[in-house]
Amino acid sequence: MKVPFTWKVTGWFMIGWSPEFETGKTRALHYFGEDMVAYRSESGELHVMEAHCKHLGAHLGHGGKVIEDRVECPFHGWQWGPDGCNKFIPYQPDRPNKALRLRVYPVVEQHGCVFIWHHPDSAEPQWEMPDIFGKFPQFTTGPQDYYRAYPEFSRRLEGEPVHPQIVAENAADSAHFQYVHHATVTPRVLDWKMAEREWHFVAGFPDADSDDPDAMALRFHSHLFGLGGAISIFEGVQQHRLIFTCTPVEEGRSDLFYSIWWPRLPGDDSETAPDEIRERVERQFLTTVEDDLGIWRYQRYIEHPALAKADAKPFMTLRKWATQFYDVPAEETVGT
């Protein structure tokens, strides 16, 4: 997808789920056009940094070892600390090269999801990653009230030709639910507002059994945390929570991450949902991302869209809000 803005977006972006990053092991990653290494130290803390050793360029994620809180290069044993600094050279143990430093990506783990902070010029985080269960305080349910999201209710779609802004623009588009997600009624955007780095909206699904046009069978509350993704909750006959994120891999491609927290049945304290719930969530909800991708994979970005009157204000306001997350211009050669 060709877009007039950079794929090196500023913000918090999801890179996976906590169980995928095992204690004492390294994992190779590639996001924002950069090779990265993730490793969980012996204390359990997760670190993400530039992948290539400053000595002779070996990839720390392929054969690297975790030594206490450091990662050891598989080529010559140079060790790098969680601050990115060289801590140990085995054949000159008293003289690490203190001038060398790998780029470090700040990491946040919450409720089994892993996020990194990305800024194209390596600036420190400019705002905090909001907590998935700290959102929507009007709903008092916490993590203990839901079945686990990973792995049963989580999906990753890799290398898709989708820019994070395209995903974010769904927040201003309720009409597509009927055509893309086969909703039996067309939801309405009931409220939307900008909240600095966040975009908040509420959509309502009209109650088809009511004569009151303002009666809603279901409400969908969603908060975008920059362009990295959205944290949402359903209010009504279903009260599940979800997170849907988009993380650029390189120019023209992103990974999408999707997790659902489904409410526990009364009296059920197991981590995983019963088979009948798992089958229902799989059939009715985990397929929605594929529905969207059926459009996004072949969509052309229209810089000056011909909007309907009902679309225009929220849609163009969201696009203006999105500009704050582009700290560098688009590259001349973009993905197709």
Protein backbone atom coordinates (compact mmCIF):
# COMPACT_ATOMS: atom_id res chain seq x y z
CA MET A 1 0.00 0.00 0.00
CA LYS A 2 1.41 3.38 -1.02
CA VAL A 3 0.84 6.11 1.54
CA PRO A 4 2.07 9.73 1.72
CA PHE A 5 3.48 9.32 5.25
CA THR A 6 6.27 7.37 6.89
CA TRP A 7 6.11 3.77 8.08
CA LYS A 8 8.54 4.71 10.89
CA VAL A 9 5.71 5.81 13.15
CA THR A 10 6.23 7.15 16.68
CA GLY A 11 4.44 5.40 19.53
CA TRP A 12 3.86 2.15 21.41
CA PHE A 13 3.59 -0.97 19.25
CA MET A 14 2.87 -4.60 20.04
CA ILE A 15 5.51 -7.21 19.17
CA GLY A 16 4.00 -10.38 20.62
CA TRP A 17 2.77 -12.11 23.77
CA SER A 18 4.77 -12.65 26.95
CA PRO A 19 4.87 -16.49 26.81
CA GLU A 20 6.68 -16.25 23.46
CA PHE A 21 9.70 -14.71 25.22
CA GLU A 22 11.15 -17.41 27.44
CA THR A 23 13.49 -16.75 30.35
CA GLY A 24 17.13 -17.24 29.40
CA LYS A 25 16.52 -17.26 25.64
CA THR A 26 17.01 -14.80 22.81
CA ARG A 27 14.54 -14.11 20.01
CA ALA A 28 15.21 -12.38 16.70
CA LEU A 29 12.73 -9.67 15.66
CA HIS A 30 12.41 -7.29 12.72
CA TYR A 31 10.30 -4.14 12.96
CA PHE A 32 10.46 -0.64 11.50
CA GLY A 33 13.07 -1.90 9.06
CA GLU A 34 15.44 -2.74 11.91
CA ASP A 35 16.84 -6.05 13.16
CA MET A 36 16.24 -6.45 16.90
CA VAL A 37 16.97 -9.00 19.58
CA ALA A 38 14.67 -9.68 22.50
CA TYR A 39 15.83 -11.58 25.56
CA ARG A 40 14.40 -12.28 28.98
CA SER A 41 17.00 -12.08 31.70
CA GLU A 42 17.32 -14.64 34.49
CA SER A 43 15.31 -12.28 36.73
CA GLY A 44 12.45 -12.42 34.24
CA GLU A 45 12.76 -8.90 32.83
CA LEU A 46 12.33 -8.57 29.08
CA HIS A 47 14.70 -6.43 27.01
CA VAL A 48 14.69 -5.45 23.34
CA MET A 49 17.65 -3.86 21.58
CA GLU A 50 19.51 -3.48 18.32
CA ALA A 51 20.41 -6.95 17.06
CA HIS A 52 23.91 -6.67 15.62
CA CYS A 53 26.98 -6.79 17.84
CA LYS A 54 29.12 -3.67 17.51
CA HIS A 55 32.27 -5.82 17.34
CA LEU A 56 31.88 -7.62 14.00
CA GLY A 57 28.16 -7.50 13.37
CA ALA A 58 26.92 -10.93 14.46
CA HIS A 59 23.17 -11.16 15.12
CA LEU A 60 22.57 -11.59 18.84
CA GLY A 61 19.19 -13.21 18.22
CA HIS A 62 20.69 -16.13 16.31
CA GLY A 63 22.76 -18.17 18.73
CA GLY A 64 23.18 -15.48 21.37
CA LYS A 65 23.08 -16.55 25.03
CA VAL A 66 21.58 -14.90 28.10
CA ILE A 67 24.08 -14.47 30.95
CA GLU A 68 22.26 -13.13 34.05
CA ASP A 69 20.89 -9.79 32.75
CA ARG A 70 23.15 -9.61 29.68
CA VAL A 71 23.11 -11.05 26.16
CA GLU A 72 26.27 -12.72 24.85
CA CYS A 73 27.32 -12.55 21.21
CA PRO A 74 27.61 -16.01 19.60
CA PHE A 75 30.67 -14.90 17.57
CA HIS A 76 33.28 -13.80 20.15
CA GLY A 77 31.42 -13.73 23.48
CA TRP A 78 31.07 -9.98 23.88
CA GLN A 79 28.33 -9.25 26.40
CA TRP A 80 25.80 -6.41 26.24
CA GLY A 81 23.75 -5.15 29.16
CA PRO A 82 20.08 -4.09 29.29
CA ASP A 83 21.21 -0.46 28.87
CA GLY A 84 22.80 -1.45 25.54
CA CYS A 85 26.37 -0.94 26.80
CA ASN A 86 29.23 -3.36 26.33
CA LYS A 87 29.79 -5.02 29.72
CA PHE A 88 32.35 -7.75 29.07
CA ILE A 89 34.94 -8.87 26.51
CA PRO A 90 36.20 -12.35 27.44
CA TYR A 91 39.77 -11.87 26.18
CA GLN A 92 40.16 -8.50 27.93
CA PRO A 93 37.85 -8.96 30.93
CA ASP A 94 38.95 -5.80 32.73
CA ARG A 95 38.45 -3.54 29.71
CA PRO A 96 34.95 -3.55 28.21
CA ASN A 97 34.50 -1.00 25.44
CA LYS A 98 32.40 1.54 27.30
CA ALA A 99 32.06 3.74 24.23
CA LEU A 100 30.00 1.15 22.38
CA ARG A 101 26.25 1.01 22.84
CA LEU A 102 23.38 -0.81 21.14
CA ARG A 103 20.08 0.98 20.62
CA VAL A 104 17.58 -0.01 23.32
CA TYR A 105 13.81 -0.10 22.79
CA PRO A 106 11.77 0.53 25.98
CA VAL A 107 9.49 -2.43 26.75
CA VAL A 108 6.14 -2.67 28.53
CA GLU A 109 4.45 -5.99 29.35
CA GLN A 110 0.86 -6.05 30.50
CA HIS A 111 -1.73 -8.81 30.71
CA GLY A 112 0.36 -11.07 28.50
CA CYS A 113 0.95 -8.50 25.73
CA VAL A 114 4.38 -7.03 24.89
CA PHE A 115 4.87 -3.51 23.58
CA ILE A 116 7.93 -1.52 22.57
CA TRP A 117 8.35 2.21 22.21
CA HIS A 118 9.49 3.31 18.77
CA HIS A 119 10.78 6.72 17.78
CA PRO A 120 12.68 7.11 14.49
CA ASP A 121 15.38 9.18 16.22
CA SER A 122 15.52 7.00 19.38
CA ALA A 123 13.85 9.62 21.60
CA GLU A 124 12.63 8.38 24.98
CA PRO A 125 8.91 7.61 25.48
CA GLN A 126 6.81 10.76 25.30
CA TRP A 127 3.77 9.19 26.97
CA GLU A 128 2.92 6.01 28.86
CA MET A 129 1.38 2.95 27.28
CA PRO A 130 -2.19 2.86 28.69
CA ASP A 131 -3.20 -0.20 30.67
CA ILE A 132 -5.60 -2.56 28.89
CA PHE A 133 -7.67 -3.13 32.03
CA GLY A 134 -7.18 0.40 33.36
CA LYS A 135 -9.26 1.67 30.46
CA PHE A 136 -13.02 2.13 30.81
CA PRO A 137 -13.20 2.43 34.62
CA GLN A 138 -17.01 2.49 34.32
CA PHE A 139 -16.70 -1.27 33.82
CA THR A 140 -15.42 -2.80 37.04
CA THR A 141 -14.31 -6.17 35.68
CA GLY A 142 -10.60 -6.95 35.94
CA PRO A 143 -8.27 -9.60 34.50
CA GLN A 144 -9.50 -12.15 37.03
CA ASP A 145 -12.98 -11.97 35.47
CA TYR A 146 -11.82 -13.17 32.04
CA TYR A 147 -10.32 -16.25 30.45
CA ARG A 148 -6.78 -15.81 29.24
CA ALA A 149 -6.37 -14.25 25.81
CA TYR A 150 -3.23 -16.08 24.69
CA PRO A 151 -2.99 -18.42 22.92
CA GLU A 152 -6.63 -19.49 22.52
CA PHE A 153 -8.10 -16.08 21.71
CA SER A 154 -5.14 -14.42 20.00
CA ARG A 155 -4.04 -14.13 16.40
CA ARG A 156 -1.00 -12.75 14.54
CA LEU A 157 -1.10 -11.94 10.83
CA GLU A 158 2.36 -11.34 9.43
CA GLY A 159 3.65 -9.11 6.66
CA GLU A 160 0.34 -7.63 5.60
CA PRO A 161 0.33 -4.60 3.20
CA VAL A 162 -1.39 -2.40 5.77
CA HIS A 163 -0.22 0.89 7.33
CA PRO A 164 -1.22 1.57 10.99
CA GLN A 165 -3.17 4.67 9.98
CA ILE A 166 -5.44 2.59 7.74
CA VAL A 167 -6.32 0.42 10.74
CA ALA A 168 -6.86 3.51 12.91
CA GLU A 169 -9.26 5.02 10.39
CA ASN A 170 -11.76 2.27 11.25
CA ALA A 171 -12.45 4.36 14.36
CA ALA A 172 -14.26 6.91 12.20
CA ASP A 173 -16.06 4.33 10.08
CA SER A 174 -19.08 2.51 11.50
CA ALA A 175 -20.80 1.95 8.15
CA HIS A 176 -18.38 -0.79 7.10
CA PHE A 177 -19.64 -3.16 9.83
CA GLN A 178 -22.67 -4.07 7.76
CA TYR A 179 -20.75 -4.76 4.56
CA VAL A 180 -17.41 -6.08 5.82
CA HIS A 181 -18.38 -7.80 9.08
CA HIS A 182 -21.91 -8.79 8.01
CA ALA A 183 -23.58 -7.00 10.92
CA THR A 184 -27.37 -7.37 10.82
CA VAL A 185 -27.80 -3.69 11.73
CA THR A 186 -25.64 -0.71 10.87
CA PRO A 187 -23.97 0.74 13.98
CA ARG A 188 -23.81 4.47 14.58
CA VAL A 189 -20.93 6.53 15.96
CA LEU A 190 -22.49 7.90 19.14
CA ASP A 191 -19.52 9.89 20.39
CA TRP A 192 -15.92 10.62 19.49
CA LYS A 193 -13.19 12.92 20.74
CA MET A 194 -9.46 13.53 20.67
CA ALA A 195 -7.62 13.11 23.98
CA GLU A 196 -4.06 14.23 23.17
CA ARG A 197 -2.28 11.00 22.07
CA GLU A 198 -5.52 9.02 22.20
CA TRP A 199 -8.68 8.93 20.11
CA HIS A 200 -11.87 7.82 21.87
CA PHE A 201 -15.12 6.73 20.28
CA VAL A 202 -18.34 4.90 21.08
CA ALA A 203 -20.40 3.10 18.46
CA GLY A 204 -23.89 1.76 19.06
CA PHE A 205 -25.74 -1.14 17.44
CA PRO A 206 -29.46 -0.22 17.30
CA ASP A 207 -31.90 -2.58 18.99
CA ALA A 208 -33.88 -4.08 16.11
CA ASP A 209 -36.63 -5.19 18.53
CA SER A 210 -37.28 -1.69 19.84
CA ASP A 211 -39.42 1.10 18.40
CA ASP A 212 -37.04 3.62 19.99
CA PRO A 213 -34.45 4.65 17.36
CA ASP A 214 -32.05 5.59 20.16
CA ALA A 215 -32.24 2.20 21.88
CA MET A 216 -28.98 0.28 21.54
CA ALA A 217 -28.59 -3.47 21.88
CA LEU A 218 -24.82 -3.18 22.10
CA ARG A 219 -22.23 -0.45 22.53
CA PHE A 220 -18.61 -0.64 21.46
CA HIS A 221 -16.17 1.59 23.38
CA SER A 222 -12.69 1.99 21.90
CA HIS A 223 -9.57 4.02 22.70
CA LEU A 224 -6.75 4.31 20.17
CA PHE A 225 -3.32 4.58 21.82
CA GLY A 226 -1.67 6.57 19.06
CA LEU A 227 -1.45 4.64 15.80
CA GLY A 228 -0.18 1.48 17.49
CA GLY A 229 -3.63 0.05 18.04
CA ALA A 230 -6.87 0.20 19.99
CA ILE A 231 -8.12 -1.09 23.34
CA SER A 232 -11.86 -1.83 23.31
CA ILE A 233 -14.75 -3.24 25.30
CA PHE A 234 -18.29 -4.29 24.38
CA GLU A 235 -21.21 -3.20 26.54
CA GLY A 236 -24.49 -5.09 26.31
CA VAL A 237 -25.25 -8.72 25.55
CA GLN A 238 -21.49 -9.30 25.21
CA GLN A 239 -18.92 -7.73 27.51
CA HIS A 240 -15.63 -8.97 26.14
CA ARG A 241 -12.48 -6.86 25.90
CA LEU A 242 -10.02 -6.84 23.05
CA ILE A 243 -6.87 -5.27 21.68
CA PHE A 244 -6.13 -4.88 17.98
CA THR A 245 -2.72 -3.57 16.94
CA CYS A 246 -0.66 -2.90 13.83
CA THR A 247 3.16 -2.79 13.90
CA PRO A 248 5.22 -1.86 10.81
CA VAL A 249 7.79 -4.47 9.81
CA GLU A 250 9.35 -2.39 7.05
CA GLU A 251 8.19 -0.13 4.22
CA GLY A 252 4.91 -1.50 2.93
CA ARG A 253 4.32 -4.32 5.46
CA SER A 254 3.01 -4.69 9.00
CA ASP A 255 2.20 -7.41 11.51
CA LEU A 256 -1.28 -7.37 13.03
CA PHE A 257 -1.97 -8.65 16.56
CA TYR A 258 -5.43 -9.40 17.93
CA SER A 259 -6.41 -10.63 21.41
CA ILE A 260 -9.80 -11.12 23.06
CA TRP A 261 -10.51 -11.46 26.78
CA TRP A 262 -13.81 -13.34 27.14
CA PRO A 263 -15.81 -13.14 30.42
CA ARG A 264 -15.61 -16.19 32.65
CA LEU A 265 -18.70 -18.24 33.30
CA PRO A 266 -19.95 -17.86 36.91
CA GLY A 267 -18.04 -20.16 39.22
CA ASP A 268 -15.44 -21.13 36.59
CA ASP A 269 -11.91 -20.31 37.77
CA SER A 270 -10.00 -22.10 35.00
CA GLU A 271 -7.56 -20.20 32.79
CA THR A 272 -9.05 -21.44 29.54
CA ALA A 273 -12.60 -21.24 28.30
CA PRO A 274 -14.79 -24.31 27.70
CA ASP A 275 -14.78 -25.76 24.21
CA GLU A 276 -18.18 -24.35 23.29
CA ILE A 277 -17.05 -20.79 24.08
CA ARG A 278 -13.77 -21.28 22.27
CA GLU A 279 -15.61 -22.47 19.18
CA ARG A 280 -18.01 -19.53 19.32
CA VAL A 281 -15.27 -16.91 19.73
CA GLU A 282 -13.28 -18.50 16.93
CA ARG A 283 -16.26 -18.56 14.59
CA GLN A 284 -17.84 -15.18 15.38
CA PHE A 285 -15.04 -12.91 16.54
CA LEU A 286 -11.54 -14.08 15.64
CA THR A 287 -12.44 -13.96 11.96
CA THR A 288 -13.15 -10.21 11.96
CA VAL A 289 -9.52 -9.32 11.22
CA GLU A 290 -9.61 -11.47 8.09
CA ASP A 291 -12.79 -9.63 7.08
CA ASP A 292 -10.95 -6.32 7.24
CA LEU A 293 -7.91 -7.70 5.45
CA GLY A 294 -10.13 -8.69 2.56
CA ILE A 295 -10.43 -4.94 1.96
CA TRP A 296 -7.06 -3.66 3.18
CA ARG A 297 -4.93 -6.01 1.09
CA TYR A 298 -6.24 -4.47 -2.13
CA GLN A 299 -7.16 -0.96 -0.98
CA ARG A 300 -5.66 2.18 -2.49
CA TYR A 301 -5.07 5.11 -0.13
CA ILE A 302 -7.14 8.13 -1.20
CA GLU A 303 -5.56 11.31 0.11
CA HIS A 304 -8.60 13.47 -0.66
CA PRO A 305 -11.58 11.12 -0.29
CA ALA A 306 -15.10 11.93 -1.48
CA LEU A 307 -16.79 11.56 1.89
CA ALA A 308 -20.47 11.46 2.75
CA LYS A 309 -21.67 14.23 5.03
CA ALA A 310 -21.97 11.85 7.99
CA ASP A 311 -18.36 10.66 7.53
CA ALA A 312 -16.55 13.89 6.86
CA LYS A 313 -15.94 15.53 10.24
CA PRO A 314 -14.81 12.50 12.29
CA PHE A 315 -12.81 11.05 9.40
CA MET A 316 -10.84 14.18 8.54
CA THR A 317 -10.38 15.11 12.20
CA LEU A 318 -8.87 11.69 12.86
CA ARG A 319 -6.48 12.10 9.93
CA LYS A 320 -5.36 15.46 11.30
CA TRP A 321 -4.90 13.91 14.77
CA ALA A 322 -2.74 11.16 13.23
CA THR A 323 -0.16 13.62 11.90
CA GLN A 324 1.36 14.06 15.38
CA PHE A 325 2.84 10.55 15.19
CA TYR A 326 5.00 11.23 12.13
CA ASP A 327 8.33 12.68 13.28
CA VAL A 328 10.10 11.99 10.00
CA PRO A 329 8.90 12.43 6.40
CA ALA A 330 7.92 9.55 4.18
CA GLU A 331 10.72 7.86 2.27
CA GLU A 332 10.78 8.42 -1.47
CA THR A 333 10.32 4.71 -2.18
CA VAL A 334 7.31 3.29 -0.37
CA GLY A 335 5.69 -0.10 -0.29
CA THR A 336 3.19 -1.23 -2.86
